[in-house]
Amino acid sequence: MSFRIIGTGMYVPPKVVTNDDLAAIVETNDEWISHRVGVKRRHVSQNEFTSEMGCKAALNALNDSGVPAESIDMILSATVSGETSSPSVACMVQNFLGISCPALEISTACTGFLFLLETAAAYFSLRKDINRILVVGAERMSGVIDWSDRSTCVIFGDGSGAAVLERGDNYLDFLCNIHGGDTVIKIPHAVGKSPFFTKEQDTPFIHMQGQETFKYAVNAIVKDIKALLERNSLTIEDIAYIVPHQANQRILDFACQRLGISTAKMYSNIAEYGNTSSASVPIALDELAKSGNIKRGDKLILVAFGGGLSDAACLIEW
């Protein structure tokens, strides 16, 4: 037994920061960012924590699903930018909704939402008393960015996405790969004030090797999509849309070339939101669902890649 998606929702803060706005902060310009990354604008929180944005996306997903909050049997969240290590975003969403159910969080960076879906599928299979699960990806990436580093501050944005899942048979397959290590992407915690700790640590901001990330991402997208198609006896023509993690438009374009597909098949909204890490895929999924361009029965592939290093993909029927 797997699940079907019965509602989606998203939230981004109202503050929009354009590339021209960033040019006043670091040495960059709109042409450089647009060409190298594909981002034109990003939404940045001024007075909302990660969990608060997650609550708003969760409420929007519930409203879209038409089911009451009281019918949710579990809440799962993903983030790398929560305002607290404890409580988790999932616990704060539970408190906001005023319901009583298990709530837990995972941290796999940009692949987080896909890992939430697989975790939900496992709970549906193991627990007969769980019939609906709320999944939330929420990030305030502006809080973990070094705003003097133009190689990273131009990429990321803030936002949240959510989905309501119900028992069904529309979650068809999942795969993931982990290549553990911190040489390509890492977000260190502050070392704290222990008088006994002597090891030096990098600053608590995103550290990323751009070229290595780029190569990993393109290869992961192509490999994972081909693997899902092959083991489910499908062709790329059977897929209505690919909904990828929104990290870099050039990554998506290169992947399309290697897959031999039009860029129109690879949903992209990076120009408006930038990279919102674990919120990226659910935000894109919600926009696609609301666009009217997909219908029940369409097959979608969701694919993501990022810190870990990790990549993941799943096949769903809408």
C-alpha atoms as a PDB file:
ATOM      1  CA  MET A   1       0.000   0.000   0.000  1.00  0.00           C
ATOM      2  CA  SER A   2       1.356   3.422  -0.917  1.00  0.00           C
ATOM      3  CA  PHE A   3      -0.450   6.754  -1.184  1.00  0.00           C
ATOM      4  CA  ARG A   4      -1.925   9.404  -3.403  1.00  0.00           C
ATOM      5  CA  ILE A   5      -1.495  13.168  -3.126  1.00  0.00           C
ATOM      6  CA  ILE A   6      -4.822  14.842  -2.355  1.00  0.00           C
ATOM      7  CA  GLY A   7      -3.629  18.399  -1.751  1.00  0.00           C
ATOM      8  CA  THR A   8      -0.600  20.650  -2.155  1.00  0.00           C
ATOM      9  CA  GLY A   9       0.322  24.064  -0.815  1.00  0.00           C
ATOM     10  CA  MET A  10       3.200  26.509  -0.720  1.00  0.00           C
ATOM     11  CA  TYR A  11       4.235  29.740   0.916  1.00  0.00           C
ATOM     12  CA  VAL A  12       6.979  32.257   0.184  1.00  0.00           C
ATOM     13  CA  PRO A  13       7.635  35.458   2.131  1.00  0.00           C
ATOM     14  CA  PRO A  14       6.487  38.686   0.480  1.00  0.00           C
ATOM     15  CA  LYS A  15       9.919  40.342   0.372  1.00  0.00           C
ATOM     16  CA  VAL A  16      11.417  39.967  -3.109  1.00  0.00           C
ATOM     17  CA  VAL A  17      15.136  40.503  -3.660  1.00  0.00           C
ATOM     18  CA  THR A  18      16.103  41.019  -7.304  1.00  0.00           C
ATOM     19  CA  ASN A  19      19.482  40.508  -8.889  1.00  0.00           C
ATOM     20  CA  ASP A  20      19.872  44.273  -9.056  1.00  0.00           C
ATOM     21  CA  ASP A  21      19.248  44.411  -5.303  1.00  0.00           C
ATOM     22  CA  LEU A  22      22.077  41.914  -4.777  1.00  0.00           C
ATOM     23  CA  ALA A  23      24.381  43.993  -6.967  1.00  0.00           C
ATOM     24  CA  ALA A  24      24.209  46.651  -4.276  1.00  0.00           C
ATOM     25  CA  ILE A  25      25.477  44.131  -1.687  1.00  0.00           C
ATOM     26  CA  VAL A  26      28.142  42.092  -3.508  1.00  0.00           C
ATOM     27  CA  GLU A  27      30.105  42.418  -6.735  1.00  0.00           C
ATOM     28  CA  THR A  28      27.663  40.885  -9.202  1.00  0.00           C
ATOM     29  CA  ASN A  29      25.031  41.856 -11.754  1.00  0.00           C
ATOM     30  CA  ASP A  30      21.799  40.596 -13.260  1.00  0.00           C
ATOM     31  CA  GLU A  31      23.455  39.316 -16.442  1.00  0.00           C
ATOM     32  CA  TRP A  32      26.009  37.204 -14.534  1.00  0.00           C
ATOM     33  CA  ILE A  33      23.426  35.653 -12.201  1.00  0.00           C
ATOM     34  CA  SER A  34      20.864  35.049 -14.945  1.00  0.00           C
ATOM     35  CA  HIS A  35      23.421  33.387 -17.216  1.00  0.00           C
ATOM     36  CA  ARG A  36      25.255  31.320 -14.600  1.00  0.00           C
ATOM     37  CA  VAL A  37      22.346  30.301 -12.375  1.00  0.00           C
ATOM     38  CA  GLY A  38      19.036  31.300 -13.970  1.00  0.00           C
ATOM     39  CA  VAL A  39      17.699  33.153 -10.922  1.00  0.00           C
ATOM     40  CA  LYS A  40      16.064  36.559 -11.444  1.00  0.00           C
ATOM     41  CA  ARG A  41      14.422  37.004  -8.043  1.00  0.00           C
ATOM     42  CA  ARG A  42      14.204  35.245  -4.709  1.00  0.00           C
ATOM     43  CA  HIS A  43      11.858  35.639  -1.735  1.00  0.00           C
ATOM     44  CA  VAL A  44      13.566  36.413   1.570  1.00  0.00           C
ATOM     45  CA  SER A  45      12.088  36.291   5.057  1.00  0.00           C
ATOM     46  CA  GLN A  46      12.135  39.513   7.041  1.00  0.00           C
ATOM     47  CA  ASN A  47      10.226  38.450  10.146  1.00  0.00           C
ATOM     48  CA  GLU A  48       9.257  34.769   9.783  1.00  0.00           C
ATOM     49  CA  PHE A  49      11.154  31.741  11.021  1.00  0.00           C
ATOM     50  CA  THR A  50      11.347  28.491   9.076  1.00  0.00           C
ATOM     51  CA  SER A  51       8.611  26.819  11.104  1.00  0.00           C
ATOM     52  CA  GLU A  52       6.239  29.757  10.597  1.00  0.00           C
ATOM     53  CA  MET A  53       6.603  29.473   6.824  1.00  0.00           C
ATOM     54  CA  GLY A  54       6.130  25.714   7.101  1.00  0.00           C
ATOM     55  CA  CYS A  55       2.885  26.214   9.028  1.00  0.00           C
ATOM     56  CA  LYS A  56       1.503  28.450   6.281  1.00  0.00           C
ATOM     57  CA  ALA A  57       2.336  25.974   3.522  1.00  0.00           C
ATOM     58  CA  ALA A  58       0.810  23.167   5.597  1.00  0.00           C
ATOM     59  CA  LEU A  59      -2.412  25.121   6.057  1.00  0.00           C
ATOM     60  CA  ASN A  60      -2.579  25.862   2.334  1.00  0.00           C
ATOM     61  CA  ALA A  61      -2.115  22.172   1.535  1.00  0.00           C
ATOM     62  CA  LEU A  62      -4.863  21.195   3.955  1.00  0.00           C
ATOM     63  CA  ASN A  63      -7.214  23.781   2.454  1.00  0.00           C
ATOM     64  CA  ASP A  64      -6.434  22.434  -1.011  1.00  0.00           C
ATOM     65  CA  SER A  65      -7.108  18.856   0.085  1.00  0.00           C
ATOM     66  CA  GLY A  66     -10.459  19.702   1.652  1.00  0.00           C
ATOM     67  CA  VAL A  67      -9.802  17.486   4.677  1.00  0.00           C
ATOM     68  CA  PRO A  68      -9.721  18.753   8.280  1.00  0.00           C
ATOM     69  CA  ALA A  69      -6.473  19.001  10.202  1.00  0.00           C
ATOM     70  CA  GLU A  70      -7.911  16.558  12.746  1.00  0.00           C
ATOM     71  CA  SER A  71      -7.804  13.806  10.108  1.00  0.00           C
ATOM     72  CA  ILE A  72      -3.997  13.949   9.865  1.00  0.00           C
ATOM     73  CA  ASP A  73      -2.366  10.927  11.517  1.00  0.00           C
ATOM     74  CA  MET A  74       1.283  11.986  11.162  1.00  0.00           C
ATOM     75  CA  ILE A  75       3.361  15.052  10.260  1.00  0.00           C
ATOM     76  CA  LEU A  76       6.763  14.753   8.574  1.00  0.00           C
ATOM     77  CA  SER A  77       9.055  17.704   7.904  1.00  0.00           C
ATOM     78  CA  ALA A  78      12.410  18.380   6.260  1.00  0.00           C
ATOM     79  CA  THR A  79      14.746  21.344   6.722  1.00  0.00           C
ATOM     80  CA  VAL A  80      18.380  22.335   7.111  1.00  0.00           C
ATOM     81  CA  SER A  81      17.593  25.845   8.325  1.00  0.00           C
ATOM     82  CA  GLY A  82      15.225  25.473  11.254  1.00  0.00           C
ATOM     83  CA  GLU A  83      15.385  28.170  13.897  1.00  0.00           C
ATOM     84  CA  THR A  84      15.773  25.502  16.584  1.00  0.00           C
ATOM     85  CA  SER A  85      17.272  22.024  16.677  1.00  0.00           C
ATOM     86  CA  SER A  86      14.361  21.226  18.965  1.00  0.00           C
ATOM     87  CA  PRO A  87      11.435  21.491  18.612  1.00  0.00           C
ATOM     88  CA  SER A  88      11.362  20.430  14.966  1.00  0.00           C
ATOM     89  CA  VAL A  89       9.354  22.121  12.242  1.00  0.00           C
ATOM     90  CA  ALA A  90       7.008  19.100  12.342  1.00  0.00           C
ATOM     91  CA  CYS A  91       6.320  19.667  16.039  1.00  0.00           C
ATOM     92  CA  MET A  92       5.695  23.367  15.468  1.00  0.00           C
ATOM     93  CA  VAL A  93       3.267  22.580  12.633  1.00  0.00           C
ATOM     94  CA  GLN A  94       1.462  20.129  14.905  1.00  0.00           C
ATOM     95  CA  ASN A  95       1.186  22.805  17.591  1.00  0.00           C
ATOM     96  CA  PHE A  96      -0.014  25.387  15.055  1.00  0.00           C
ATOM     97  CA  LEU A  97      -2.725  23.050  13.754  1.00  0.00           C
ATOM     98  CA  GLY A  98      -3.776  22.106  17.285  1.00  0.00           C
ATOM     99  CA  ILE A  99      -3.827  18.382  16.615  1.00  0.00           C
ATOM    100  CA  SER A 100      -2.354  15.326  18.325  1.00  0.00           C
ATOM    101  CA  CYS A 101      -0.277  12.950  16.196  1.00  0.00           C
ATOM    102  CA  PRO A 102       3.321  11.778  15.764  1.00  0.00           C
ATOM    103  CA  ALA A 103       5.606  14.440  14.272  1.00  0.00           C
ATOM    104  CA  LEU A 104       9.198  13.980  13.156  1.00  0.00           C
ATOM    105  CA  GLU A 105      11.834  15.623  10.995  1.00  0.00           C
ATOM    106  CA  ILE A 106      14.627  14.549   8.670  1.00  0.00           C
ATOM    107  CA  SER A 107      17.624  16.473   7.356  1.00  0.00           C
ATOM    108  CA  THR A 108      18.803  15.468   3.890  1.00  0.00           C
ATOM    109  CA  ALA A 109      19.021  18.983   2.436  1.00  0.00           C
ATOM    110  CA  CYS A 110      17.693  19.386  -1.106  1.00  0.00           C
ATOM    111  CA  THR A 111      16.495  15.781  -1.379  1.00  0.00           C
ATOM    112  CA  GLY A 112      14.505  16.161   1.843  1.00  0.00           C
ATOM    113  CA  PHE A 113      11.007  16.237   0.370  1.00  0.00           C
ATOM    114  CA  LEU A 114      11.568  13.046  -1.609  1.00  0.00           C
ATOM    115  CA  PHE A 115      12.822  11.282   1.493  1.00  0.00           C
ATOM    116  CA  LEU A 116       9.665  12.466   3.262  1.00  0.00           C
ATOM    117  CA  LEU A 117       7.542  10.781   0.600  1.00  0.00           C
ATOM    118  CA  GLU A 118       9.440   7.507   0.941  1.00  0.00           C
ATOM    119  CA  THR A 119       9.214   7.696   4.732  1.00  0.00           C
ATOM    120  CA  ALA A 120       5.480   8.303   4.457  1.00  0.00           C
ATOM    121  CA  ALA A 121       5.112   5.290   2.148  1.00  0.00           C
ATOM    122  CA  ALA A 122       6.869   3.150   4.735  1.00  0.00           C
ATOM    123  CA  TYR A 123       4.535   4.314   7.510  1.00  0.00           C
ATOM    124  CA  PHE A 124       1.469   3.672   5.362  1.00  0.00           C
ATOM    125  CA  SER A 125       2.763   0.144   4.781  1.00  0.00           C
ATOM    126  CA  LEU A 126       3.677  -0.565   8.410  1.00  0.00           C
ATOM    127  CA  ARG A 127       0.883   1.148  10.326  1.00  0.00           C
ATOM    128  CA  LYS A 128      -2.734   0.342   9.501  1.00  0.00           C
ATOM    129  CA  ASP A 129      -3.905   3.142  11.798  1.00  0.00           C
ATOM    130  CA  ILE A 130      -2.253   5.808   9.610  1.00  0.00           C
ATOM    131  CA  ASN A 131      -4.475   6.973   6.773  1.00  0.00           C
ATOM    132  CA  ARG A 132      -3.297  10.541   6.121  1.00  0.00           C
ATOM    133  CA  ILE A 133       0.142  12.127   6.429  1.00  0.00           C
ATOM    134  CA  LEU A 134       1.099  15.791   6.080  1.00  0.00           C
ATOM    135  CA  VAL A 135       4.594  16.367   4.638  1.00  0.00           C
ATOM    136  CA  VAL A 136       6.323  19.759   4.807  1.00  0.00           C
ATOM    137  CA  GLY A 137       9.593  21.076   3.383  1.00  0.00           C
ATOM    138  CA  ALA A 138      10.505  24.501   4.766  1.00  0.00           C
ATOM    139  CA  GLU A 139      13.661  26.590   4.555  1.00  0.00           C
ATOM    140  CA  ARG A 140      14.990  29.999   5.571  1.00  0.00           C
ATOM    141  CA  MET A 141      18.164  29.692   3.556  1.00  0.00           C
ATOM    142  CA  SER A 142      18.835  33.407   3.958  1.00  0.00           C
ATOM    143  CA  GLY A 143      19.829  32.598   7.532  1.00  0.00           C
ATOM    144  CA  VAL A 144      22.593  30.156   6.542  1.00  0.00           C
ATOM    145  CA  ILE A 145      24.096  32.215   3.713  1.00  0.00           C
ATOM    146  CA  ASP A 146      27.248  34.313   3.847  1.00  0.00           C
ATOM    147  CA  TRP A 147      25.874  37.410   2.154  1.00  0.00           C
ATOM    148  CA  SER A 148      29.380  38.546   1.214  1.00  0.00           C
ATOM    149  CA  ASP A 149      29.948  35.359  -0.837  1.00  0.00           C
ATOM    150  CA  ARG A 150      28.557  35.980  -4.299  1.00  0.00           C
ATOM    151  CA  SER A 151      29.015  32.356  -5.331  1.00  0.00           C
ATOM    152  CA  THR A 152      26.289  31.269  -2.902  1.00  0.00           C
ATOM    153  CA  CYS A 153      24.187  34.283  -1.888  1.00  0.00           C
ATOM    154  CA  VAL A 154      22.846  34.718  -5.436  1.00  0.00           C
ATOM    155  CA  ILE A 155      21.498  31.159  -5.567  1.00  0.00           C
ATOM    156  CA  PHE A 156      19.240  30.656  -2.573  1.00  0.00           C
ATOM    157  CA  GLY A 157      15.821  31.823  -1.421  1.00  0.00           C
ATOM    158  CA  ASP A 158      13.308  31.191   1.358  1.00  0.00           C
ATOM    159  CA  GLY A 159      10.009  29.333   1.206  1.00  0.00           C
ATOM    160  CA  SER A 160       8.010  26.251   2.075  1.00  0.00           C
ATOM    161  CA  GLY A 161       5.932  23.591   0.380  1.00  0.00           C
ATOM    162  CA  ALA A 162       3.619  20.884   1.660  1.00  0.00           C
ATOM    163  CA  ALA A 163       1.406  18.018   0.566  1.00  0.00           C
ATOM    164  CA  VAL A 164      -1.378  15.951   2.101  1.00  0.00           C
ATOM    165  CA  LEU A 165      -1.041  12.238   1.434  1.00  0.00           C
ATOM    166  CA  GLU A 166      -3.783   9.628   1.709  1.00  0.00           C
ATOM    167  CA  ARG A 167      -3.686   5.853   1.393  1.00  0.00           C
ATOM    168  CA  GLY A 168      -3.744   4.846  -2.254  1.00  0.00           C
ATOM    169  CA  ASP A 169      -1.712   3.285  -5.057  1.00  0.00           C
ATOM    170  CA  ASN A 170      -0.244   6.312  -6.827  1.00  0.00           C
ATOM    171  CA  TYR A 171       3.271   6.265  -5.374  1.00  0.00           C
ATOM    172  CA  LEU A 172       4.935   3.841  -7.758  1.00  0.00           C
ATOM    173  CA  ASP A 173       8.699   3.758  -7.186  1.00  0.00           C
ATOM    174  CA  PHE A 174      11.614   5.435  -5.407  1.00  0.00           C
ATOM    175  CA  LEU A 175      15.388   5.327  -5.541  1.00  0.00           C
ATOM    176  CA  CYS A 176      18.193   7.161  -3.810  1.00  0.00           C
ATOM    177  CA  ASN A 177      21.961   7.302  -3.610  1.00  0.00           C
ATOM    178  CA  ILE A 178      24.138   8.646  -0.818  1.00  0.00           C
ATOM    179  CA  HIS A 179      27.796   9.572  -1.186  1.00  0.00           C
ATOM    180  CA  GLY A 180      28.594  10.749   2.308  1.00  0.00           C
ATOM    181  CA  GLY A 181      31.110  13.527   2.831  1.00  0.00           C
ATOM    182  CA  ASP A 182      31.452  17.256   3.379  1.00  0.00           C
ATOM    183  CA  THR A 183      34.025  18.261   0.778  1.00  0.00           C
ATOM    184  CA  VAL A 184      31.490  19.510  -1.802  1.00  0.00           C
ATOM    185  CA  ILE A 185      28.574  20.910   0.236  1.00  0.00           C
ATOM    186  CA  LYS A 186      28.289  21.562   3.960  1.00  0.00           C
ATOM    187  CA  ILE A 187      26.538  23.848   6.430  1.00  0.00           C
ATOM    188  CA  PRO A 188      28.457  23.726   9.730  1.00  0.00           C
ATOM    189  CA  HIS A 189      26.835  24.437  13.064  1.00  0.00           C
ATOM    190  CA  ALA A 190      28.420  26.985  15.360  1.00  0.00           C
ATOM    191  CA  VAL A 191      30.951  25.196  17.567  1.00  0.00           C
ATOM    192  CA  GLY A 192      29.400  26.544  20.747  1.00  0.00           C
ATOM    193  CA  LYS A 193      31.114  27.746  23.897  1.00  0.00           C
ATOM    194  CA  SER A 194      32.515  24.551  25.375  1.00  0.00           C
ATOM    195  CA  PRO A 195      35.776  25.363  27.201  1.00  0.00           C
ATOM    196  CA  PHE A 196      36.963  21.825  26.374  1.00  0.00           C
ATOM    197  CA  PHE A 197      36.466  21.827  22.590  1.00  0.00           C
ATOM    198  CA  THR A 198      39.580  22.757  20.607  1.00  0.00           C
ATOM    199  CA  LYS A 199      38.904  21.682  17.023  1.00  0.00           C
ATOM    200  CA  GLU A 200      38.511  24.520  14.519  1.00  0.00           C
ATOM    201  CA  GLN A 201      35.317  24.700  12.458  1.00  0.00           C
ATOM    202  CA  ASP A 202      34.270  26.603   9.362  1.00  0.00           C
ATOM    203  CA  THR A 203      31.849  29.493   9.645  1.00  0.00           C
ATOM    204  CA  PRO A 204      28.210  28.381  10.078  1.00  0.00           C
ATOM    205  CA  PHE A 205      27.172  29.219   6.514  1.00  0.00           C
ATOM    206  CA  ILE A 206      26.793  27.289   3.261  1.00  0.00           C
ATOM    207  CA  HIS A 207      30.114  26.120   1.828  1.00  0.00           C
ATOM    208  CA  MET A 208      29.785  24.755  -1.693  1.00  0.00           C
ATOM    209  CA  GLN A 209      32.104  23.728  -4.509  1.00  0.00           C
ATOM    210  CA  GLY A 210      30.093  24.901  -7.506  1.00  0.00           C
ATOM    211  CA  GLN A 211      31.672  22.924 -10.343  1.00  0.00           C
ATOM    212  CA  GLU A 212      31.643  19.629  -8.445  1.00  0.00           C
ATOM    213  CA  THR A 213      28.008  20.193  -7.446  1.00  0.00           C
ATOM    214  CA  PHE A 214      27.099  20.955 -11.072  1.00  0.00           C
ATOM    215  CA  LYS A 215      28.644  17.763 -12.456  1.00  0.00           C
ATOM    216  CA  TYR A 216      27.158  15.607  -9.718  1.00  0.00           C
ATOM    217  CA  ALA A 217      23.690  17.083 -10.227  1.00  0.00           C
ATOM    218  CA  VAL A 218      23.521  16.616 -14.000  1.00  0.00           C
ATOM    219  CA  ASN A 219      24.758  13.036 -13.795  1.00  0.00           C
ATOM    220  CA  ALA A 220      22.388  12.217 -10.924  1.00  0.00           C
ATOM    221  CA  ILE A 221      19.282  13.601 -12.689  1.00  0.00           C
ATOM    222  CA  VAL A 222      19.961  11.678 -15.888  1.00  0.00           C
ATOM    223  CA  LYS A 223      20.963   8.432 -14.171  1.00  0.00           C
ATOM    224  CA  ASP A 224      18.034   8.409 -11.741  1.00  0.00           C
ATOM    225  CA  ILE A 225      15.401   9.209 -14.362  1.00  0.00           C
ATOM    226  CA  LYS A 226      16.720   6.542 -16.722  1.00  0.00           C
ATOM    227  CA  ALA A 227      16.793   4.000 -13.902  1.00  0.00           C
ATOM    228  CA  LEU A 228      13.171   4.680 -12.909  1.00  0.00           C
ATOM    229  CA  LEU A 229      12.022   4.428 -16.521  1.00  0.00           C
ATOM    230  CA  GLU A 230      13.875   1.179 -17.153  1.00  0.00           C
ATOM    231  CA  ARG A 231      12.737  -0.676 -14.074  1.00  0.00           C
ATOM    232  CA  ASN A 232       9.107   0.375 -14.607  1.00  0.00           C
ATOM    233  CA  SER A 233       9.142  -0.464 -18.356  1.00  0.00           C
ATOM    234  CA  LEU A 234       8.397   3.138 -19.315  1.00  0.00           C
ATOM    235  CA  THR A 235       9.791   5.611 -21.827  1.00  0.00           C
ATOM    236  CA  ILE A 236      10.301   9.314 -21.313  1.00  0.00           C
ATOM    237  CA  GLU A 237       7.234   9.885 -23.495  1.00  0.00           C
ATOM    238  CA  ASP A 238       5.123   8.197 -20.799  1.00  0.00           C
ATOM    239  CA  ILE A 239       6.045  10.962 -18.342  1.00  0.00           C
ATOM    240  CA  ALA A 240       3.910  14.108 -18.382  1.00  0.00           C
ATOM    241  CA  TYR A 241       6.387  16.214 -16.395  1.00  0.00           C
ATOM    242  CA  ILE A 242       9.658  15.960 -14.546  1.00  0.00           C
ATOM    243  CA  VAL A 243       9.585  18.045 -11.357  1.00  0.00           C
ATOM    244  CA  PRO A 244      13.208  18.645 -10.339  1.00  0.00           C
ATOM    245  CA  HIS A 245      14.961  20.352  -7.472  1.00  0.00           C
ATOM    246  CA  GLN A 246      15.483  23.959  -8.524  1.00  0.00           C
ATOM    247  CA  ALA A 247      19.220  24.495  -8.046  1.00  0.00           C
ATOM    248  CA  ASN A 248      20.491  25.931 -11.309  1.00  0.00           C
ATOM    249  CA  GLN A 249      18.789  26.400 -14.668  1.00  0.00           C
ATOM    250  CA  ARG A 250      21.903  25.276 -16.525  1.00  0.00           C
ATOM    251  CA  ILE A 251      21.819  21.978 -14.614  1.00  0.00           C
ATOM    252  CA  LEU A 252      18.249  21.403 -15.794  1.00  0.00           C
ATOM    253  CA  ASP A 253      19.064  22.411 -19.376  1.00  0.00           C
ATOM    254  CA  PHE A 254      22.071  20.071 -19.563  1.00  0.00           C
ATOM    255  CA  ALA A 255      19.990  17.230 -18.142  1.00  0.00           C
ATOM    256  CA  CYS A 256      17.302  17.830 -20.775  1.00  0.00           C
ATOM    257  CA  GLN A 257      19.915  17.672 -23.531  1.00  0.00           C
ATOM    258  CA  ARG A 258      21.282  14.371 -22.271  1.00  0.00           C
ATOM    259  CA  LEU A 259      17.765  12.946 -21.897  1.00  0.00           C
ATOM    260  CA  GLY A 260      16.800  14.160 -25.352  1.00  0.00           C
ATOM    261  CA  ILE A 261      13.729  16.049 -24.156  1.00  0.00           C
ATOM    262  CA  SER A 262      12.361  19.561 -24.467  1.00  0.00           C
ATOM    263  CA  THR A 263      13.002  21.901 -21.555  1.00  0.00           C
ATOM    264  CA  ALA A 264       9.211  22.333 -21.421  1.00  0.00           C
ATOM    265  CA  LYS A 265       8.958  18.828 -19.941  1.00  0.00           C
ATOM    266  CA  MET A 266      11.297  19.755 -17.073  1.00  0.00           C
ATOM    267  CA  TYR A 267       9.292  22.075 -14.809  1.00  0.00           C
ATOM    268  CA  SER A 268      11.261  25.129 -13.749  1.00  0.00           C
ATOM    269  CA  ASN A 269      10.512  28.085 -11.472  1.00  0.00           C
ATOM    270  CA  ILE A 270      14.053  28.860 -10.355  1.00  0.00           C
ATOM    271  CA  ALA A 271      13.898  32.314 -11.937  1.00  0.00           C
ATOM    272  CA  GLU A 272      11.302  33.378  -9.366  1.00  0.00           C
ATOM    273  CA  TYR A 273      12.354  31.552  -6.201  1.00  0.00           C
ATOM    274  CA  GLY A 274      15.971  30.444  -6.496  1.00  0.00           C
ATOM    275  CA  ASN A 275      17.115  27.343  -4.633  1.00  0.00           C
ATOM    276  CA  THR A 276      14.904  26.737  -1.589  1.00  0.00           C
ATOM    277  CA  SER A 277      16.512  23.389  -0.687  1.00  0.00           C
ATOM    278  CA  SER A 278      13.947  20.923   0.733  1.00  0.00           C
ATOM    279  CA  ALA A 279      11.099  23.325  -0.123  1.00  0.00           C
ATOM    280  CA  SER A 280      12.068  23.405  -3.789  1.00  0.00           C
ATOM    281  CA  VAL A 281      10.286  20.297  -5.105  1.00  0.00           C
ATOM    282  CA  PRO A 282       6.999  20.803  -3.179  1.00  0.00           C
ATOM    283  CA  ILE A 283       6.820  24.460  -4.249  1.00  0.00           C
ATOM    284  CA  ALA A 284       7.295  23.412  -7.879  1.00  0.00           C
ATOM    285  CA  LEU A 285       4.784  20.574  -7.496  1.00  0.00           C
ATOM    286  CA  ASP A 286       2.169  22.918  -6.056  1.00  0.00           C
ATOM    287  CA  GLU A 287       2.638  25.439  -8.859  1.00  0.00           C
ATOM    288  CA  LEU A 288       2.393  22.699 -11.474  1.00  0.00           C
ATOM    289  CA  ALA A 289      -0.728  21.262  -9.842  1.00  0.00           C
ATOM    290  CA  LYS A 290      -2.376  24.688  -9.719  1.00  0.00           C
ATOM    291  CA  SER A 291      -1.447  25.443 -13.339  1.00  0.00           C
ATOM    292  CA  GLY A 292      -3.987  22.971 -14.702  1.00  0.00           C
ATOM    293  CA  ASN A 293      -1.325  21.370 -16.909  1.00  0.00           C
ATOM    294  CA  ILE A 294      -1.512  17.965 -15.239  1.00  0.00           C
ATOM    295  CA  LYS A 295      -4.511  15.697 -14.824  1.00  0.00           C
ATOM    296  CA  ARG A 296      -5.360  12.594 -12.831  1.00  0.00           C
ATOM    297  CA  GLY A 297      -3.544   9.614 -14.259  1.00  0.00           C
ATOM    298  CA  ASP A 298      -0.523  11.576 -15.514  1.00  0.00           C
ATOM    299  CA  LYS A 299       2.816  10.124 -14.514  1.00  0.00           C
ATOM    300  CA  LEU A 300       5.386  12.455 -12.925  1.00  0.00           C
ATOM    301  CA  ILE A 301       8.991  11.972 -11.916  1.00  0.00           C
ATOM    302  CA  LEU A 302      10.239  14.025  -8.984  1.00  0.00           C
ATOM    303  CA  VAL A 303      14.021  14.250  -8.791  1.00  0.00           C
ATOM    304  CA  ALA A 304      16.424  16.011  -6.440  1.00  0.00           C
ATOM    305  CA  PHE A 305      20.108  16.230  -5.566  1.00  0.00           C
ATOM    306  CA  GLY A 306      22.264  18.085  -3.087  1.00  0.00           C
ATOM    307  CA  GLY A 307      24.035  17.925   0.249  1.00  0.00           C
ATOM    308  CA  GLY A 308      25.075  14.571   1.571  1.00  0.00           C
ATOM    309  CA  LEU A 309      25.947  14.162  -1.183  1.00  0.00           C
ATOM    310  CA  SER A 310      22.563  12.684  -1.986  1.00  0.00           C
ATOM    311  CA  ASP A 311      20.231  12.221  -4.908  1.00  0.00           C
ATOM    312  CA  ALA A 312      16.743  10.764  -5.078  1.00  0.00           C
ATOM    313  CA  ALA A 313      13.890  10.295  -7.502  1.00  0.00           C
ATOM    314  CA  CYS A 314      10.377   8.929  -7.367  1.00  0.00           C
ATOM    315  CA  LEU A 315       7.666   7.998  -9.832  1.00  0.00           C
ATOM    316  CA  ILE A 316       4.106   8.976  -9.012  1.00  0.00           C
ATOM    317  CA  GLU A 317       0.762   8.892 -10.755  1.00  0.00           C
ATOM    318  CA  TRP A 318      -1.238  12.073 -10.296  1.00  0.00           C
END
